[in-house]
Amino acid sequence: MNGHPSNREEDLVFVALCDRFLSTTNIRRTMTRKELQQATGLDAEVLEETLKGLRGPDARDDSYVALEGDRVILGPVWRAKCGALPRDPALR
């Protein structure tokens, strides 16, 4: 990966997490797996496989996403990319 989503599922995860991260109405800037599943429309198995893929071959790479219990958090690479986007989703 070179700092951006490389497939449809990863793109859906990025957009959902980025929207939450930039939200001014949500207290938490993270999402539960269930919230992420609902926001992306991915079934649980596909979501888990996508999250595993984003964490690298050793499942320890937090560059794109980090896992904290049931919560999914933007990693530093995606957080920087997300922070550079316009706050208004209509302008993205």
Protein backbone atom coordinates (compact mmCIF):
# COMPACT_ATOMS: atom_id res chain seq x y z
CA MET A 1 0.00 0.00 0.00
CA ASN A 2 1.13 3.50 -0.71
CA GLY A 3 -0.99 5.58 1.64
CA HIS A 4 -4.37 5.10 0.02
CA PRO A 5 -6.97 2.37 -0.20
CA SER A 6 -6.16 -0.24 -2.82
CA ASN A 7 -9.52 -1.94 -3.26
CA ARG A 8 -13.24 -1.30 -2.87
CA GLU A 9 -13.54 -2.76 0.63
CA GLU A 10 -10.55 -0.81 1.92
CA ASP A 11 -11.97 2.34 0.34
CA LEU A 12 -15.29 1.81 2.12
CA VAL A 13 -13.50 1.32 5.46
CA PHE A 14 -11.37 4.44 4.91
CA VAL A 15 -14.36 6.63 4.02
CA ALA A 16 -16.40 5.43 7.02
CA LEU A 17 -13.54 5.89 9.50
CA CYS A 18 -12.54 9.22 7.98
CA ASP A 19 -16.10 10.53 8.15
CA ARG A 20 -16.27 9.55 11.80
CA PHE A 21 -12.83 11.04 12.50
CA LEU A 22 -13.84 14.38 10.96
CA SER A 23 -17.33 14.40 12.46
CA THR A 24 -18.19 17.28 14.73
CA THR A 25 -21.29 15.54 16.09
CA ASN A 26 -19.78 12.27 17.34
CA ILE A 27 -17.99 12.20 20.67
CA ARG A 28 -15.85 9.20 19.68
CA ARG A 29 -13.57 9.40 16.67
CA THR A 30 -13.50 5.60 16.41
CA MET A 31 -16.06 3.01 15.36
CA THR A 32 -17.04 -0.38 16.67
CA ARG A 33 -16.84 -3.23 14.21
CA LYS A 34 -20.65 -3.29 14.15
CA GLU A 35 -20.85 0.43 13.34
CA LEU A 36 -18.21 -0.02 10.65
CA GLN A 37 -20.10 -2.97 9.20
CA GLN A 38 -23.31 -0.92 9.07
CA ALA A 39 -21.55 2.11 7.56
CA THR A 40 -19.79 0.11 4.85
CA GLY A 41 -22.46 -2.47 4.07
CA LEU A 42 -19.80 -5.20 4.26
CA ASP A 43 -20.73 -8.48 5.89
CA ALA A 44 -18.83 -9.39 9.05
CA GLU A 45 -16.50 -11.89 7.36
CA VAL A 46 -15.49 -9.52 4.55
CA LEU A 47 -14.95 -6.70 7.04
CA GLU A 48 -12.69 -8.88 9.20
CA GLU A 49 -10.67 -9.99 6.16
CA THR A 50 -10.33 -6.36 5.05
CA LEU A 51 -9.16 -5.26 8.51
CA LYS A 52 -6.67 -8.13 8.61
CA GLY A 53 -5.33 -7.13 5.20
CA LEU A 54 -4.92 -3.54 6.32
CA ARG A 55 -2.87 -4.65 9.33
CA GLY A 56 -0.22 -6.39 7.20
CA PRO A 57 1.04 -9.96 7.07
CA ASP A 58 1.87 -10.05 10.79
CA ALA A 59 -1.43 -8.35 11.79
CA ARG A 60 0.51 -5.76 13.80
CA ASP A 61 0.82 -2.87 11.35
CA ASP A 62 -1.21 0.04 12.74
CA SER A 63 -0.34 2.39 9.85
CA TYR A 64 -3.80 2.28 8.29
CA VAL A 65 -6.06 1.01 11.07
CA ALA A 66 -5.52 0.05 14.67
CA LEU A 67 -7.73 -2.20 16.74
CA GLU A 68 -8.53 -1.46 20.35
CA GLY A 69 -10.83 -4.19 21.61
CA ASP A 70 -13.96 -3.96 19.47
CA ARG A 71 -13.11 -0.44 18.24
CA VAL A 72 -11.39 0.39 14.96
CA ILE A 73 -9.21 3.50 14.82
CA LEU A 74 -7.59 5.34 11.93
CA GLY A 75 -3.85 4.70 11.88
CA PRO A 76 -1.37 7.55 11.29
CA VAL A 77 -1.11 7.13 7.50
CA TRP A 78 -4.86 7.26 6.95
CA ARG A 79 -5.33 9.89 9.69
CA ALA A 80 -2.96 12.23 7.81
CA LYS A 81 -4.73 11.52 4.51
CA CYS A 82 -8.11 12.06 6.15
CA GLY A 83 -7.00 15.29 7.82
CA ALA A 84 -6.02 16.68 4.42
CA LEU A 85 -9.54 16.17 3.03
CA PRO A 86 -12.14 18.97 3.06
CA ARG A 87 -14.38 18.83 6.12
CA ASP A 88 -17.49 18.92 3.93
CA PRO A 89 -18.07 15.42 2.48
CA ALA A 90 -19.74 17.01 -0.57
CA LEU A 91 -16.38 18.59 -1.52
CA ARG A 92 -14.43 15.31 -1.45
